């Protein structure tokens, strides 16, 4: 699975809202890491009824900000 980076965004024809598990897979991190990103405000979520979804644009933005503040590490 490709890693989401500022230079390798998701397929523009793909879904715009993804699960925490999908976000974790794209970032090559544990789902708990994505949950911490949500808890500390680095990543916004959308609620679809009882479901929590992450907008791909928000995920891309969080990765871009992380890359700039962590010296290139996402």
PDB file of N, CA and C in Angstrom:
ATOM      1  N   UNK A   1       0.847  -1.183   0.000  1.00  0.00           N
ATOM      2  CA  UNK A   1       0.000   0.000   0.000  1.00  0.00           C
ATOM      3  C   UNK A   1       0.889   1.242   0.000  1.00  0.00           C
ATOM      4  N   UNK A   2       0.599   2.228  -0.850  1.00  0.00           N
ATOM      5  CA  UNK A   2       1.448   3.413  -0.924  1.00  0.00           C
ATOM      6  C   UNK A   2       1.337   4.263   0.337  1.00  0.00           C
ATOM      7  N   UNK A   3       2.426   4.903   0.663  1.00  0.00           N
ATOM      8  CA  UNK A   3       2.448   5.804   1.813  1.00  0.00           C
ATOM      9  C   UNK A   3       1.975   7.168   1.351  1.00  0.00           C
ATOM     10  N   UNK A   4       1.119   7.796   2.146  1.00  0.00           N
ATOM     11  CA  UNK A   4       0.622   9.132   1.837  1.00  0.00           C
ATOM     12  C   UNK A   4       1.662  10.145   2.266  1.00  0.00           C
ATOM     13  N   UNK A   5       2.155  10.897   1.344  1.00  0.00           N
ATOM     14  CA  UNK A   5       3.110  11.963   1.626  1.00  0.00           C
ATOM     15  C   UNK A   5       2.702  13.169   0.807  1.00  0.00           C
ATOM     16  N   UNK A   6       3.239  14.339   1.130  1.00  0.00           N
ATOM     17  CA  UNK A   6       2.894  15.511   0.319  1.00  0.00           C
ATOM     18  C   UNK A   6       3.203  15.320  -1.163  1.00  0.00           C
ATOM     19  N   UNK A   7       4.221  14.524  -1.491  1.00  0.00           N
ATOM     20  CA  UNK A   7       4.558  14.320  -2.891  1.00  0.00           C
ATOM     21  C   UNK A   7       3.808  13.148  -3.515  1.00  0.00           C
ATOM     22  N   UNK A   8       3.141  12.308  -2.680  1.00  0.00           N
ATOM     23  CA  UNK A   8       2.380  11.163  -3.190  1.00  0.00           C
ATOM     24  C   UNK A   8       0.985  11.163  -2.581  1.00  0.00           C
ATOM     25  N   UNK A   9       0.103  12.066  -3.026  1.00  0.00           N
ATOM     26  CA  UNK A   9      -1.249  12.095  -2.474  1.00  0.00           C
ATOM     27  C   UNK A   9      -2.053  10.874  -2.904  1.00  0.00           C
ATOM     28  N   UNK A  10      -3.188  10.695  -2.259  1.00  0.00           N
ATOM     29  CA  UNK A  10      -4.093   9.605  -2.619  1.00  0.00           C
ATOM     30  C   UNK A  10      -4.654   9.803  -4.014  1.00  0.00           C
ATOM     31  N   UNK A  11      -5.150   8.748  -4.573  1.00  0.00           N
ATOM     32  CA  UNK A  11      -5.820   8.785  -5.867  1.00  0.00           C
ATOM     33  C   UNK A  11      -6.996   9.765  -5.791  1.00  0.00           C
ATOM     34  N   UNK A  12      -7.025  10.793  -6.632  1.00  0.00           N
ATOM     35  CA  UNK A  12      -8.104  11.782  -6.566  1.00  0.00           C
ATOM     36  C   UNK A  12      -9.481  11.199  -6.867  1.00  0.00           C
ATOM     37  N   UNK A  13      -9.535  10.029  -7.502  1.00  0.00           N
ATOM     38  CA  UNK A  13     -10.817   9.406  -7.806  1.00  0.00           C
ATOM     39  C   UNK A  13     -11.281   8.484  -6.686  1.00  0.00           C
ATOM     40  N   UNK A  14     -10.464   8.326  -5.659  1.00  0.00           N
ATOM     41  CA  UNK A  14     -10.806   7.451  -4.532  1.00  0.00           C
ATOM     42  C   UNK A  14     -11.761   8.141  -3.572  1.00  0.00           C
ATOM     43  N   UNK A  15     -12.104   7.461  -2.467  1.00  0.00           N
ATOM     44  CA  UNK A  15     -13.038   8.038  -1.500  1.00  0.00           C
ATOM     45  C   UNK A  15     -12.421   9.242  -0.790  1.00  0.00           C
ATOM     46  N   UNK A  16     -13.256  10.214  -0.434  1.00  0.00           N
ATOM     47  CA  UNK A  16     -12.729  11.389   0.261  1.00  0.00           C
ATOM     48  C   UNK A  16     -12.778  11.214   1.778  1.00  0.00           C
ATOM     49  N   UNK A  17     -13.591  10.277   2.279  1.00  0.00           N
ATOM     50  CA  UNK A  17     -13.645   9.986   3.709  1.00  0.00           C
ATOM     51  C   UNK A  17     -13.190   8.554   3.932  1.00  0.00           C
ATOM     52  N   UNK A  18     -12.239   8.383   4.856  1.00  0.00           N
ATOM     53  CA  UNK A  18     -11.696   7.053   5.110  1.00  0.00           C
ATOM     54  C   UNK A  18     -11.766   6.739   6.609  1.00  0.00           C
ATOM     55  N   UNK A  19     -11.614   5.477   6.935  1.00  0.00           N
ATOM     56  CA  UNK A  19     -11.638   5.034   8.331  1.00  0.00           C
ATOM     57  C   UNK A  19     -10.290   5.314   8.996  1.00  0.00           C
ATOM     58  N   UNK A  20     -10.282   5.216  10.332  1.00  0.00           N
ATOM     59  CA  UNK A  20      -9.026   5.350  11.071  1.00  0.00           C
ATOM     60  C   UNK A  20      -8.056   4.252  10.657  1.00  0.00           C
ATOM     61  N   UNK A  21      -8.574   3.062  10.436  1.00  0.00           N
ATOM     62  CA  UNK A  21      -7.716   1.944  10.035  1.00  0.00           C
ATOM     63  C   UNK A  21      -7.061   2.219   8.684  1.00  0.00           C
ATOM     64  N   UNK A  22      -7.816   2.747   7.736  1.00  0.00           N
ATOM     65  CA  UNK A  22      -7.272   3.061   6.409  1.00  0.00           C
ATOM     66  C   UNK A  22      -6.230   4.174   6.525  1.00  0.00           C
ATOM     67  N   UNK A  23      -6.514   5.189   7.347  1.00  0.00           N
ATOM     68  CA  UNK A  23      -5.554   6.277   7.553  1.00  0.00           C
ATOM     69  C   UNK A  23      -4.261   5.732   8.143  1.00  0.00           C
ATOM     70  N   UNK A  24      -4.385   4.832   9.122  1.00  0.00           N
ATOM     71  CA  UNK A  24      -3.198   4.232   9.739  1.00  0.00           C
ATOM     72  C   UNK A  24      -2.394   3.444   8.707  1.00  0.00           C
ATOM     73  N   UNK A  25      -3.074   2.702   7.865  1.00  0.00           N
ATOM     74  CA  UNK A  25      -2.390   1.919   6.832  1.00  0.00           C
ATOM     75  C   UNK A  25      -1.665   2.839   5.850  1.00  0.00           C
ATOM     76  N   UNK A  26      -2.305   3.920   5.459  1.00  0.00           N
ATOM     77  CA  UNK A  26      -1.686   4.854   4.519  1.00  0.00           C
ATOM     78  C   UNK A  26      -0.452   5.522   5.109  1.00  0.00           C
ATOM     79  N   UNK A  27      -0.481   5.770   6.424  1.00  0.00           N
ATOM     80  CA  UNK A  27       0.645   6.423   7.093  1.00  0.00           C
ATOM     81  C   UNK A  27       1.679   5.428   7.605  1.00  0.00           C
ATOM     82  N   UNK A  28       1.377   4.138   7.480  1.00  0.00           N
ATOM     83  CA  UNK A  28       2.252   3.074   7.991  1.00  0.00           C
ATOM     84  C   UNK A  28       2.487   3.220   9.488  1.00  0.00           C
ATOM     85  N   UNK A  29       1.398   3.494  10.213  1.00  0.00           N
ATOM     86  CA  UNK A  29       1.445   3.601  11.675  1.00  0.00           C
ATOM     87  C   UNK A  29       0.329   2.755  12.260  1.00  0.00           C
ATOM     88  N   UNK A  30       0.366   2.573  13.563  1.00  0.00           N
ATOM     89  CA  UNK A  30      -0.677   1.859  14.267  1.00  0.00           C
ATOM     90  C   UNK A  30      -1.937   2.717  14.332  1.00  0.00           C
ATOM     91  N   UNK A  31      -3.099   2.091  14.372  1.00  0.00           N
ATOM     92  CA  UNK A  31      -4.355   2.840  14.461  1.00  0.00           C
ATOM     93  C   UNK A  31      -4.386   3.716  15.713  1.00  0.00           C
ATOM     94  N   UNK A  32      -3.739   3.275  16.790  1.00  0.00           N
ATOM     95  CA  UNK A  32      -3.693   4.081  18.016  1.00  0.00           C
ATOM     96  C   UNK A  32      -2.962   5.402  17.780  1.00  0.00           C
ATOM     97  N   UNK A  33      -1.973   5.408  16.910  1.00  0.00           N
ATOM     98  CA  UNK A  33      -1.273   6.645  16.570  1.00  0.00           C
ATOM     99  C   UNK A  33      -2.228   7.627  15.906  1.00  0.00           C
ATOM    100  N   UNK A  34      -3.071   7.136  15.024  1.00  0.00           N
ATOM    101  CA  UNK A  34      -4.075   7.991  14.376  1.00  0.00           C
ATOM    102  C   UNK A  34      -5.040   8.519  15.432  1.00  0.00           C
ATOM    103  N   UNK A  35      -5.440   7.682  16.368  1.00  0.00           N
ATOM    104  CA  UNK A  35      -6.335   8.130  17.444  1.00  0.00           C
ATOM    105  C   UNK A  35      -5.685   9.224  18.280  1.00  0.00           C
ATOM    106  N   UNK A  36      -4.384   9.106  18.561  1.00  0.00           N
ATOM    107  CA  UNK A  36      -3.683  10.162  19.304  1.00  0.00           C
ATOM    108  C   UNK A  36      -3.628  11.449  18.494  1.00  0.00           C
ATOM    109  N   UNK A  37      -3.430  11.335  17.186  1.00  0.00           N
ATOM    110  CA  UNK A  37      -3.428  12.522  16.332  1.00  0.00           C
ATOM    111  C   UNK A  37      -4.774  13.229  16.389  1.00  0.00           C
ATOM    112  N   UNK A  38      -5.849  12.456  16.474  1.00  0.00           N
ATOM    113  CA  UNK A  38      -7.193  13.019  16.579  1.00  0.00           C
ATOM    114  C   UNK A  38      -7.371  13.673  17.948  1.00  0.00           C
ATOM    115  N   UNK A  39      -6.968  12.959  18.997  1.00  0.00           N
ATOM    116  CA  UNK A  39      -7.134  13.457  20.366  1.00  0.00           C
ATOM    117  C   UNK A  39      -6.388  14.758  20.614  1.00  0.00           C
ATOM    118  N   UNK A  40      -5.177  14.889  20.064  1.00  0.00           N
ATOM    119  CA  UNK A  40      -4.402  16.108  20.333  1.00  0.00           C
ATOM    120  C   UNK A  40      -4.610  17.203  19.287  1.00  0.00           C
ATOM    121  N   UNK A  41      -5.571  16.996  18.386  1.00  0.00           N
ATOM    122  CA  UNK A  41      -5.963  18.052  17.459  1.00  0.00           C
ATOM    123  C   UNK A  41      -5.151  18.138  16.181  1.00  0.00           C
ATOM    124  N   UNK A  42      -4.235  17.204  15.959  1.00  0.00           N
ATOM    125  CA  UNK A  42      -3.454  17.241  14.720  1.00  0.00           C
ATOM    126  C   UNK A  42      -4.247  16.752  13.526  1.00  0.00           C
ATOM    127  N   UNK A  43      -5.344  16.043  13.789  1.00  0.00           N
ATOM    128  CA  UNK A  43      -6.138  15.459  12.715  1.00  0.00           C
ATOM    129  C   UNK A  43      -7.618  15.618  13.035  1.00  0.00           C
ATOM    130  N   UNK A  44      -8.349  16.227  12.121  1.00  0.00           N
ATOM    131  CA  UNK A  44      -9.790  16.434  12.296  1.00  0.00           C
ATOM    132  C   UNK A  44     -10.558  15.209  11.807  1.00  0.00           C
ATOM    133  N   UNK A  45     -11.728  14.997  12.370  1.00  0.00           N
ATOM    134  CA  UNK A  45     -12.585  13.890  11.946  1.00  0.00           C
ATOM    135  C   UNK A  45     -13.945  14.417  11.546  1.00  0.00           C
ATOM    136  N   UNK A  46     -14.650  13.612  10.799  1.00  0.00           N
ATOM    137  CA  UNK A  46     -16.037  13.881  10.425  1.00  0.00           C
ATOM    138  C   UNK A  46     -16.869  12.754  11.009  1.00  0.00           C
ATOM    139  N   UNK A  47     -17.983  13.072  11.566  1.00  0.00           N
ATOM    140  CA  UNK A  47     -18.887  12.052  12.092  1.00  0.00           C
ATOM    141  C   UNK A  47     -19.978  11.814  11.058  1.00  0.00           C
ATOM    142  N   UNK A  48     -20.150  10.557  10.713  1.00  0.00           N
ATOM    143  CA  UNK A  48     -21.198  10.136   9.787  1.00  0.00           C
ATOM    144  C   UNK A  48     -22.081   9.200  10.598  1.00  0.00           C
ATOM    145  N   UNK A  49     -23.111   9.795  11.222  1.00  0.00           N
ATOM    146  CA  UNK A  49     -23.907   9.027  12.180  1.00  0.00           C
ATOM    147  C   UNK A  49     -22.992   8.624  13.318  1.00  0.00           C
ATOM    148  N   UNK A  50     -22.975   7.350  13.678  1.00  0.00           N
ATOM    149  CA  UNK A  50     -22.098   6.919  14.775  1.00  0.00           C
ATOM    150  C   UNK A  50     -20.658   6.643  14.332  1.00  0.00           C
ATOM    151  N   UNK A  51     -20.394   6.749  13.041  1.00  0.00           N
ATOM    152  CA  UNK A  51     -19.085   6.411  12.500  1.00  0.00           C
ATOM    153  C   UNK A  51     -18.149   7.615  12.496  1.00  0.00           C
ATOM    154  N   UNK A  52     -16.877   7.353  12.687  1.00  0.00           N
ATOM    155  CA  UNK A  52     -15.850   8.383  12.616  1.00  0.00           C
ATOM    156  C   UNK A  52     -15.088   8.186  11.320  1.00  0.00           C
ATOM    157  N   UNK A  53     -14.984   9.242  10.543  1.00  0.00           N
ATOM    158  CA  UNK A  53     -14.258   9.184   9.277  1.00  0.00           C
ATOM    159  C   UNK A  53     -13.283  10.353   9.202  1.00  0.00           C
ATOM    160  N   UNK A  54     -12.227  10.151   8.449  1.00  0.00           N
ATOM    161  CA  UNK A  54     -11.195  11.167   8.273  1.00  0.00           C
ATOM    162  C   UNK A  54     -11.217  11.607   6.821  1.00  0.00           C
ATOM    163  N   UNK A  55     -11.277  12.919   6.622  1.00  0.00           N
ATOM    164  CA  UNK A  55     -11.237  13.468   5.269  1.00  0.00           C
ATOM    165  C   UNK A  55      -9.809  13.345   4.758  1.00  0.00           C
ATOM    166  N   UNK A  56      -9.654  12.826   3.548  1.00  0.00           N
ATOM    167  CA  UNK A  56      -8.333  12.631   2.959  1.00  0.00           C
ATOM    168  C   UNK A  56      -7.564  13.949   2.897  1.00  0.00           C
ATOM    169  N   UNK A  57      -8.248  15.041   2.613  1.00  0.00           N
ATOM    170  CA  UNK A  57      -7.581  16.350   2.557  1.00  0.00           C
ATOM    171  C   UNK A  57      -7.011  16.718   3.922  1.00  0.00           C
ATOM    172  N   UNK A  58      -7.746  16.422   5.001  1.00  0.00           N
ATOM    173  CA  UNK A  58      -7.248  16.700   6.352  1.00  0.00           C
ATOM    174  C   UNK A  58      -6.043  15.825   6.678  1.00  0.00           C
ATOM    175  N   UNK A  59      -6.078  14.572   6.246  1.00  0.00           N
ATOM    176  CA  UNK A  59      -4.955  13.664   6.475  1.00  0.00           C
ATOM    177  C   UNK A  59      -3.720  14.159   5.720  1.00  0.00           C
ATOM    178  N   UNK A  60      -3.913  14.566   4.497  1.00  0.00           N
ATOM    179  CA  UNK A  60      -2.810  15.088   3.690  1.00  0.00           C
ATOM    180  C   UNK A  60      -2.231  16.342   4.334  1.00  0.00           C
ATOM    181  N   UNK A  61      -3.101  17.220   4.831  1.00  0.00           N
ATOM    182  CA  UNK A  61      -2.666  18.451   5.493  1.00  0.00           C
ATOM    183  C   UNK A  61      -1.863  18.120   6.759  1.00  0.00           C
ATOM    184  N   UNK A  62      -2.333  17.160   7.551  1.00  0.00           N
ATOM    185  CA  UNK A  62      -1.634  16.773   8.779  1.00  0.00           C
ATOM    186  C   UNK A  62      -0.256  16.217   8.462  1.00  0.00           C
ATOM    187  N   UNK A  63      -0.159  15.436   7.390  1.00  0.00           N
ATOM    188  CA  UNK A  63       1.129  14.874   6.986  1.00  0.00           C
ATOM    189  C   UNK A  63       2.056  15.996   6.535  1.00  0.00           C
ATOM    190  N   UNK A  64       1.538  16.943   5.786  1.00  0.00           N
ATOM    191  CA  UNK A  64       2.345  18.066   5.314  1.00  0.00           C
ATOM    192  C   UNK A  64       2.878  18.881   6.475  1.00  0.00           C
ATOM    193  N   UNK A  65       2.041  19.165   7.445  1.00  0.00           N
ATOM    194  CA  UNK A  65       2.450  19.942   8.619  1.00  0.00           C
ATOM    195  C   UNK A  65       3.471  19.150   9.422  1.00  0.00           C
ATOM    196  N   UNK A  66       3.241  17.847   9.592  1.00  0.00           N
ATOM    197  CA  UNK A  66       4.182  17.019  10.326  1.00  0.00           C
ATOM    198  C   UNK A  66       5.536  16.956   9.660  1.00  0.00           C
ATOM    199  N   UNK A  67       5.530  16.901   8.357  1.00  0.00           N
ATOM    200  CA  UNK A  67       6.802  16.848   7.611  1.00  0.00           C
ATOM    201  C   UNK A  67       7.590  18.135   7.808  1.00  0.00           C
ATOM    202  N   UNK A  68       6.907  19.255   7.846  1.00  0.00           N
ATOM    203  CA  UNK A  68       7.593  20.539   8.027  1.00  0.00           C
ATOM    204  C   UNK A  68       8.101  20.705   9.451  1.00  0.00           C
ATOM    205  N   UNK A  69       7.331  20.266  10.442  1.00  0.00           N
ATOM    206  CA  UNK A  69       7.723  20.475  11.834  1.00  0.00           C
ATOM    207  C   UNK A  69       8.657  19.405  12.371  1.00  0.00           C
ATOM    208  N   UNK A  70       8.745  18.252  11.701  1.00  0.00           N
ATOM    209  CA  UNK A  70       9.610  17.165  12.165  1.00  0.00           C
ATOM    210  C   UNK A  70      10.827  16.980  11.277  1.00  0.00           C
ATOM    211  N   UNK A  71      11.179  17.979  10.556  1.00  0.00           N
ATOM    212  CA  UNK A  71      12.368  17.891   9.709  1.00  0.00           C
ATOM    213  C   UNK A  71      12.241  16.888   8.577  1.00  0.00           C
ATOM    214  N   UNK A  72      11.015  16.699   8.077  1.00  0.00           N
ATOM    215  CA  UNK A  72      10.812  15.813   6.945  1.00  0.00           C
ATOM    216  C   UNK A  72      10.224  14.474   7.313  1.00  0.00           C
ATOM    217  N   UNK A  73      10.176  14.126   8.592  1.00  0.00           N
ATOM    218  CA  UNK A  73       9.575  12.849   8.994  1.00  0.00           C
ATOM    219  C   UNK A  73       8.081  13.027   9.133  1.00  0.00           C
ATOM    220  N   UNK A  74       7.317  12.146   8.533  1.00  0.00           N
ATOM    221  CA  UNK A  74       5.860  12.245   8.592  1.00  0.00           C
ATOM    222  C   UNK A  74       5.332  11.553   9.816  1.00  0.00           C
TER     223      UNK A  74
END
